């Protein structure tokens, strides 16, 4: 699949300069999700909503790549914190 566009659940930008976002997307293994409102993701958690277990993923700047093996079109929840 191509890069996935997430559905925004909530985004909060407090005055401290860091922001918080919660998003959903449907992905397969090695799909990327770009969080366009972020410049740099400092902390993230990716949850497989089918199993309610954290899925493995890597982060580079504002892109989350789901690296969990054997995922095929599953809905995920991404919690991200950054700038």
C-alpha atoms as a PDB file:
ATOM      1  CA  UNK A   1       0.000   0.000   0.000  1.00  0.00           C
ATOM      2  CA  UNK A   2       0.990   3.618  -0.385  1.00  0.00           C
ATOM      3  CA  UNK A   3       1.515   6.016   2.495  1.00  0.00           C
ATOM      4  CA  UNK A   4      -1.584   6.154   4.656  1.00  0.00           C
ATOM      5  CA  UNK A   5      -3.436   9.334   5.577  1.00  0.00           C
ATOM      6  CA  UNK A   6      -4.566   9.118   9.199  1.00  0.00           C
ATOM      7  CA  UNK A   7      -7.943  10.113  10.586  1.00  0.00           C
ATOM      8  CA  UNK A   8      -7.481  12.706  13.337  1.00  0.00           C
ATOM      9  CA  UNK A   9      -9.231  11.971  16.605  1.00  0.00           C
ATOM     10  CA  UNK A  10      -7.695  14.844  18.578  1.00  0.00           C
ATOM     11  CA  UNK A  11      -4.790  17.278  18.319  1.00  0.00           C
ATOM     12  CA  UNK A  12      -3.760  19.533  21.181  1.00  0.00           C
ATOM     13  CA  UNK A  13      -1.108  22.254  20.959  1.00  0.00           C
ATOM     14  CA  UNK A  14      -0.441  23.590  24.461  1.00  0.00           C
ATOM     15  CA  UNK A  15       1.616  26.725  24.987  1.00  0.00           C
ATOM     16  CA  UNK A  16       4.669  24.626  25.925  1.00  0.00           C
ATOM     17  CA  UNK A  17       5.473  24.170  22.222  1.00  0.00           C
ATOM     18  CA  UNK A  18       4.906  20.421  22.122  1.00  0.00           C
ATOM     19  CA  UNK A  19       1.749  18.930  20.724  1.00  0.00           C
ATOM     20  CA  UNK A  20      -0.223  15.750  21.255  1.00  0.00           C
ATOM     21  CA  UNK A  21      -2.235  13.860  18.677  1.00  0.00           C
ATOM     22  CA  UNK A  22      -4.304  10.703  18.494  1.00  0.00           C
ATOM     23  CA  UNK A  23      -5.014   9.222  15.068  1.00  0.00           C
ATOM     24  CA  UNK A  24      -6.335   6.082  13.391  1.00  0.00           C
ATOM     25  CA  UNK A  25      -5.278   4.502  10.105  1.00  0.00           C
ATOM     26  CA  UNK A  26      -5.686   1.198   8.285  1.00  0.00           C
ATOM     27  CA  UNK A  27      -2.291  -0.332   7.522  1.00  0.00           C
ATOM     28  CA  UNK A  28      -0.380  -3.444   6.582  1.00  0.00           C
ATOM     29  CA  UNK A  29       3.201  -4.342   7.522  1.00  0.00           C
ATOM     30  CA  UNK A  30       5.734  -1.702   6.351  1.00  0.00           C
ATOM     31  CA  UNK A  31       3.087   0.926   5.587  1.00  0.00           C
ATOM     32  CA  UNK A  32       3.872   4.495   6.544  1.00  0.00           C
ATOM     33  CA  UNK A  33       1.610   7.064   8.154  1.00  0.00           C
ATOM     34  CA  UNK A  34       2.586  10.730   7.846  1.00  0.00           C
ATOM     35  CA  UNK A  35       1.442  12.998  10.677  1.00  0.00           C
ATOM     36  CA  UNK A  36       1.598  16.216   8.707  1.00  0.00           C
ATOM     37  CA  UNK A  37       1.010  18.601  11.625  1.00  0.00           C
ATOM     38  CA  UNK A  38       4.192  17.386  13.331  1.00  0.00           C
ATOM     39  CA  UNK A  39       7.722  18.475  12.485  1.00  0.00           C
ATOM     40  CA  UNK A  40       9.318  15.916  14.808  1.00  0.00           C
ATOM     41  CA  UNK A  41       7.615  13.071  16.672  1.00  0.00           C
ATOM     42  CA  UNK A  42       9.365  12.687  20.035  1.00  0.00           C
ATOM     43  CA  UNK A  43       7.251   9.872  21.474  1.00  0.00           C
ATOM     44  CA  UNK A  44       4.689   7.540  19.933  1.00  0.00           C
ATOM     45  CA  UNK A  45       2.672   4.411  20.623  1.00  0.00           C
ATOM     46  CA  UNK A  46       0.961   2.339  17.950  1.00  0.00           C
ATOM     47  CA  UNK A  47      -1.876   0.055  19.016  1.00  0.00           C
ATOM     48  CA  UNK A  48      -3.342  -2.687  16.816  1.00  0.00           C
ATOM     49  CA  UNK A  49      -7.069  -2.187  17.430  1.00  0.00           C
ATOM     50  CA  UNK A  50      -7.837  -5.768  16.368  1.00  0.00           C
ATOM     51  CA  UNK A  51      -5.824  -7.207  19.259  1.00  0.00           C
ATOM     52  CA  UNK A  52      -5.483  -4.129  21.514  1.00  0.00           C
ATOM     53  CA  UNK A  53      -1.753  -4.818  21.711  1.00  0.00           C
ATOM     54  CA  UNK A  54       1.062  -2.391  20.906  1.00  0.00           C
ATOM     55  CA  UNK A  55       2.394  -2.890  17.381  1.00  0.00           C
ATOM     56  CA  UNK A  56       6.054  -2.330  16.578  1.00  0.00           C
ATOM     57  CA  UNK A  57       6.845   0.774  14.578  1.00  0.00           C
ATOM     58  CA  UNK A  58       9.677   3.149  13.807  1.00  0.00           C
ATOM     59  CA  UNK A  59       9.552   6.931  13.654  1.00  0.00           C
ATOM     60  CA  UNK A  60      11.541   9.313  11.466  1.00  0.00           C
ATOM     61  CA  UNK A  61      10.674  13.022  11.765  1.00  0.00           C
ATOM     62  CA  UNK A  62       6.882  12.996  11.266  1.00  0.00           C
ATOM     63  CA  UNK A  63       6.501   9.565   9.634  1.00  0.00           C
ATOM     64  CA  UNK A  64       5.475   6.402  11.488  1.00  0.00           C
ATOM     65  CA  UNK A  65       6.379   3.122   9.747  1.00  0.00           C
ATOM     66  CA  UNK A  66       4.524   0.074  11.050  1.00  0.00           C
ATOM     67  CA  UNK A  67       7.068  -2.765  11.189  1.00  0.00           C
ATOM     68  CA  UNK A  68       4.950  -5.370  12.973  1.00  0.00           C
ATOM     69  CA  UNK A  69       5.096  -8.627  11.000  1.00  0.00           C
ATOM     70  CA  UNK A  70       2.012 -10.249   9.469  1.00  0.00           C
ATOM     71  CA  UNK A  71      -0.337  -7.259   9.493  1.00  0.00           C
ATOM     72  CA  UNK A  72      -2.778  -6.999   6.617  1.00  0.00           C
ATOM     73  CA  UNK A  73      -5.238  -4.091   6.507  1.00  0.00           C
ATOM     74  CA  UNK A  74      -5.651  -3.667  10.252  1.00  0.00           C
ATOM     75  CA  UNK A  75      -6.881  -0.551  12.017  1.00  0.00           C
ATOM     76  CA  UNK A  76      -4.313   1.067  14.289  1.00  0.00           C
ATOM     77  CA  UNK A  77      -4.398   3.872  16.820  1.00  0.00           C
ATOM     78  CA  UNK A  78      -1.382   6.185  16.973  1.00  0.00           C
ATOM     79  CA  UNK A  79      -0.651   8.325  20.029  1.00  0.00           C
ATOM     80  CA  UNK A  80       2.040  10.855  19.166  1.00  0.00           C
ATOM     81  CA  UNK A  81       3.775  13.630  21.065  1.00  0.00           C
ATOM     82  CA  UNK A  82       6.235  16.076  19.576  1.00  0.00           C
ATOM     83  CA  UNK A  83       6.714  19.400  17.898  1.00  0.00           C
END
